[in-house]
Amino acid sequence: MKNTMIMRVIWMGAGVAIGVIAVRKLTSVADSYGPAGLNRAMGEVSDSVANFADALRTGMQERESDLRAALGVDPAEVRPDRPGQ
């Protein structure tokens, strides 16, 4: 009888632990699909795109400097064709 009672307590504890883990996991998944989760995801995407654009601009400027140095062109001599450049 004692052995059966101990096994029931062990199984009850395991069931409670599994239940708590499942509820926490489902809550986190539900939060990620809610409005706040979507805002957070879109913010991360926006930041990633902005970081990529910054890295691309920096790379373009470095490459342009390398090409100007290789061709012997002084950046002060070159005028942009379009205003704002």
N, C-alpha and C. Protein backbone atom coordinates (compact mmCIF):
# COMPACT_ATOMS: atom_id res chain seq x y z
N MET A 1 0.81 -1.19 0.00
CA MET A 1 0.00 0.00 0.00
C MET A 1 0.86 1.26 0.00
N LYS A 2 1.94 1.28 0.80
CA LYS A 2 2.83 2.44 0.84
C LYS A 2 3.49 2.67 -0.51
N ASN A 3 3.88 1.57 -1.16
CA ASN A 3 4.55 1.67 -2.46
C ASN A 3 3.61 2.29 -3.49
N THR A 4 2.36 1.92 -3.46
CA THR A 4 1.38 2.46 -4.39
C THR A 4 1.17 3.95 -4.15
N MET A 5 1.11 4.33 -2.89
CA MET A 5 0.92 5.74 -2.55
C MET A 5 2.11 6.59 -3.00
N ILE A 6 3.30 6.08 -2.82
CA ILE A 6 4.51 6.79 -3.25
C ILE A 6 4.52 6.95 -4.76
N MET A 7 4.15 5.92 -5.47
CA MET A 7 4.11 5.98 -6.94
C MET A 7 3.07 7.01 -7.40
N ARG A 8 1.93 7.07 -6.72
CA ARG A 8 0.91 8.05 -7.08
C ARG A 8 1.43 9.48 -6.87
N VAL A 9 2.14 9.70 -5.77
CA VAL A 9 2.69 11.03 -5.50
C VAL A 9 3.73 11.40 -6.55
N ILE A 10 4.57 10.43 -6.91
CA ILE A 10 5.59 10.67 -7.95
C ILE A 10 4.92 11.02 -9.27
N TRP A 11 3.90 10.25 -9.67
CA TRP A 11 3.22 10.52 -10.94
C TRP A 11 2.46 11.84 -10.89
N MET A 12 1.89 12.16 -9.74
CA MET A 12 1.19 13.44 -9.58
C MET A 12 2.18 14.59 -9.74
N GLY A 13 3.35 14.49 -9.12
CA GLY A 13 4.38 15.52 -9.25
C GLY A 13 4.86 15.67 -10.68
N ALA A 14 5.04 14.56 -11.38
CA ALA A 14 5.47 14.59 -12.79
C ALA A 14 4.39 15.25 -13.64
N GLY A 15 3.14 14.93 -13.39
CA GLY A 15 2.04 15.53 -14.14
C GLY A 15 1.94 17.03 -13.92
N VAL A 16 2.12 17.47 -12.67
CA VAL A 16 2.08 18.90 -12.38
C VAL A 16 3.23 19.61 -13.07
N ALA A 17 4.42 19.03 -13.02
CA ALA A 17 5.59 19.63 -13.67
C ALA A 17 5.38 19.75 -15.18
N ILE A 18 4.87 18.71 -15.80
CA ILE A 18 4.62 18.73 -17.24
C ILE A 18 3.54 19.77 -17.57
N GLY A 19 2.54 19.85 -16.73
CA GLY A 19 1.48 20.83 -16.94
C GLY A 19 2.00 22.26 -16.86
N VAL A 20 2.84 22.55 -15.89
CA VAL A 20 3.41 23.88 -15.73
C VAL A 20 4.27 24.24 -16.94
N ILE A 21 5.09 23.31 -17.36
CA ILE A 21 5.96 23.55 -18.53
C ILE A 21 5.11 23.81 -19.78
N ALA A 22 4.06 23.01 -19.97
CA ALA A 22 3.21 23.17 -21.15
C ALA A 22 2.50 24.53 -21.14
N VAL A 23 1.99 24.94 -19.99
CA VAL A 23 1.29 26.22 -19.90
C VAL A 23 2.25 27.37 -20.18
N ARG A 24 3.45 27.31 -19.64
CA ARG A 24 4.43 28.39 -19.88
C ARG A 24 4.81 28.46 -21.35
N LYS A 25 4.99 27.30 -21.98
CA LYS A 25 5.35 27.27 -23.40
C LYS A 25 4.22 27.83 -24.26
N LEU A 26 2.99 27.42 -23.96
CA LEU A 26 1.85 27.92 -24.73
C LEU A 26 1.65 29.42 -24.53
N THR A 27 1.89 29.90 -23.35
CA THR A 27 1.78 31.33 -23.08
C THR A 27 2.80 32.12 -23.88
N SER A 28 4.03 31.62 -23.94
CA SER A 28 5.06 32.33 -24.70
C SER A 28 4.76 32.31 -26.19
N VAL A 29 4.22 31.21 -26.69
CA VAL A 29 3.85 31.14 -28.12
C VAL A 29 2.69 32.09 -28.40
N ALA A 30 1.71 32.14 -27.51
CA ALA A 30 0.57 33.03 -27.70
C ALA A 30 1.02 34.49 -27.67
N ASP A 31 1.96 34.82 -26.80
CA ASP A 31 2.47 36.19 -26.73
C ASP A 31 3.21 36.57 -28.01
N SER A 32 3.91 35.62 -28.60
CA SER A 32 4.67 35.94 -29.81
C SER A 32 3.76 36.18 -31.01
N TYR A 33 2.53 35.64 -30.97
CA TYR A 33 1.59 35.87 -32.07
C TYR A 33 0.63 37.01 -31.80
N GLY A 34 0.70 37.61 -30.65
CA GLY A 34 -0.16 38.74 -30.32
C GLY A 34 0.38 40.02 -30.91
N PRO A 35 -0.32 41.12 -30.70
CA PRO A 35 0.11 42.41 -31.25
C PRO A 35 1.50 42.83 -30.78
N ALA A 36 1.79 42.61 -29.51
CA ALA A 36 3.12 42.99 -29.01
C ALA A 36 4.21 42.15 -29.65
N GLY A 37 3.93 40.87 -29.84
CA GLY A 37 4.91 40.00 -30.48
C GLY A 37 5.16 40.38 -31.93
N LEU A 38 4.09 40.73 -32.63
CA LEU A 38 4.26 41.16 -34.03
C LEU A 38 5.01 42.49 -34.11
N ASN A 39 4.72 43.40 -33.19
CA ASN A 39 5.47 44.66 -33.17
C ASN A 39 6.94 44.42 -32.92
N ARG A 40 7.24 43.53 -32.00
CA ARG A 40 8.63 43.21 -31.69
C ARG A 40 9.31 42.59 -32.91
N ALA A 41 8.63 41.67 -33.58
CA ALA A 41 9.21 41.01 -34.75
C ALA A 41 9.45 42.02 -35.88
N MET A 42 8.48 42.92 -36.12
CA MET A 42 8.65 43.91 -37.17
C MET A 42 9.76 44.90 -36.82
N GLY A 43 9.91 45.21 -35.55
CA GLY A 43 11.01 46.08 -35.12
C GLY A 43 12.35 45.45 -35.39
N GLU A 44 12.45 44.14 -35.13
CA GLU A 44 13.70 43.43 -35.39
C GLU A 44 14.01 43.39 -36.88
N VAL A 45 12.99 43.16 -37.70
CA VAL A 45 13.19 43.14 -39.15
C VAL A 45 13.62 44.52 -39.63
N SER A 46 12.97 45.55 -39.13
CA SER A 46 13.32 46.91 -39.51
C SER A 46 14.76 47.24 -39.13
N ASP A 47 15.15 46.85 -37.93
CA ASP A 47 16.53 47.09 -37.50
C ASP A 47 17.51 46.33 -38.38
N SER A 48 17.17 45.10 -38.74
CA SER A 48 18.06 44.30 -39.60
C SER A 48 18.23 44.95 -40.97
N VAL A 49 17.14 45.44 -41.54
CA VAL A 49 17.21 46.08 -42.85
C VAL A 49 18.04 47.36 -42.76
N ALA A 50 17.84 48.14 -41.70
CA ALA A 50 18.61 49.37 -41.54
C ALA A 50 20.10 49.07 -41.36
N ASN A 51 20.42 48.05 -40.58
CA ASN A 51 21.83 47.67 -40.39
C ASN A 51 22.45 47.21 -41.71
N PHE A 52 21.68 46.44 -42.50
CA PHE A 52 22.18 45.98 -43.79
C PHE A 52 22.43 47.17 -44.71
N ALA A 53 21.49 48.12 -44.74
CA ALA A 53 21.66 49.30 -45.60
C ALA A 53 22.88 50.11 -45.17
N ASP A 54 23.09 50.27 -43.89
CA ASP A 54 24.27 50.99 -43.40
C ASP A 54 25.56 50.29 -43.80
N ALA A 55 25.58 48.98 -43.66
CA ALA A 55 26.77 48.21 -44.04
C ALA A 55 27.02 48.31 -45.55
N LEU A 56 25.95 48.30 -46.32
CA LEU A 56 26.07 48.41 -47.78
C LEU A 56 26.62 49.79 -48.17
N ARG A 57 26.10 50.85 -47.54
CA ARG A 57 26.60 52.20 -47.84
C ARG A 57 28.06 52.34 -47.47
N THR A 58 28.44 51.80 -46.32
CA THR A 58 29.83 51.88 -45.89
C THR A 58 30.74 51.14 -46.87
N GLY A 59 30.31 49.96 -47.30
CA GLY A 59 31.09 49.20 -48.27
C GLY A 59 31.22 49.92 -49.60
N MET A 60 30.13 50.56 -50.03
CA MET A 60 30.17 51.31 -51.29
C MET A 60 31.15 52.48 -51.18
N GLN A 61 31.12 53.18 -50.06
CA GLN A 61 32.03 54.31 -49.88
C GLN A 61 33.48 53.86 -49.84
N GLU A 62 33.74 52.75 -49.18
CA GLU A 62 35.12 52.22 -49.14
C GLU A 62 35.58 51.82 -50.53
N ARG A 63 34.70 51.16 -51.27
CA ARG A 63 35.07 50.72 -52.63
C ARG A 63 35.28 51.92 -53.53
N GLU A 64 34.45 52.94 -53.41
CA GLU A 64 34.61 54.14 -54.22
C GLU A 64 35.94 54.82 -53.90
N SER A 65 36.29 54.87 -52.63
CA SER A 65 37.58 55.46 -52.24
C SER A 65 38.74 54.68 -52.84
N ASP A 66 38.63 53.33 -52.80
CA ASP A 66 39.68 52.49 -53.38
C ASP A 66 39.80 52.74 -54.88
N LEU A 67 38.67 52.82 -55.57
CA LEU A 67 38.70 53.05 -57.01
C LEU A 67 39.26 54.43 -57.34
N ARG A 68 38.86 55.45 -56.57
CA ARG A 68 39.38 56.80 -56.81
C ARG A 68 40.89 56.83 -56.59
N ALA A 69 41.37 56.14 -55.55
CA ALA A 69 42.81 56.10 -55.28
C ALA A 69 43.54 55.37 -56.40
N ALA A 70 42.95 54.29 -56.91
CA ALA A 70 43.60 53.52 -57.98
C ALA A 70 43.64 54.32 -59.28
N LEU A 71 42.62 55.14 -59.54
CA LEU A 71 42.57 55.93 -60.77
C LEU A 71 43.25 57.29 -60.62
N GLY A 72 43.58 57.66 -59.40
CA GLY A 72 44.22 58.94 -59.16
C GLY A 72 43.26 60.11 -59.26
N VAL A 73 42.02 59.89 -58.97
CA VAL A 73 41.01 60.94 -59.03
C VAL A 73 40.86 61.55 -57.65
N ASP A 74 40.93 62.88 -57.60
CA ASP A 74 40.75 63.58 -56.33
C ASP A 74 39.26 63.78 -56.10
N PRO A 75 38.73 63.38 -54.95
CA PRO A 75 37.29 63.52 -54.70
C PRO A 75 36.82 64.96 -54.74
N ALA A 76 37.70 65.93 -54.47
CA ALA A 76 37.30 67.34 -54.50
C ALA A 76 37.05 67.82 -55.93
N GLU A 77 37.68 67.18 -56.92
CA GLU A 77 37.53 67.57 -58.32
C GLU A 77 36.21 67.10 -58.91
N VAL A 78 35.65 66.05 -58.37
CA VAL A 78 34.45 65.44 -58.94
C VAL A 78 33.23 66.14 -58.38
N ARG A 79 32.35 66.59 -59.31
CA ARG A 79 31.10 67.21 -58.89
C ARG A 79 29.97 66.22 -59.14
N PRO A 80 29.03 66.17 -58.24
CA PRO A 80 27.89 65.25 -58.49
C PRO A 80 27.01 65.79 -59.61
N ASP A 81 26.47 64.87 -60.40
CA ASP A 81 25.57 65.26 -61.49
C ASP A 81 24.21 65.68 -60.95
N ARG A 82 23.84 65.10 -59.86
CA ARG A 82 22.52 65.37 -59.27
C ARG A 82 22.68 66.18 -57.99
N PRO A 83 21.78 67.09 -57.76
CA PRO A 83 21.85 67.84 -56.49
C PRO A 83 21.58 66.92 -55.31
N GLY A 84 22.24 67.22 -54.23
CA GLY A 84 22.04 66.42 -53.02
C GLY A 84 23.06 65.33 -52.85
N GLN A 85 23.96 65.20 -53.78
CA GLN A 85 24.99 64.15 -53.66
C GLN A 85 26.30 64.76 -53.27
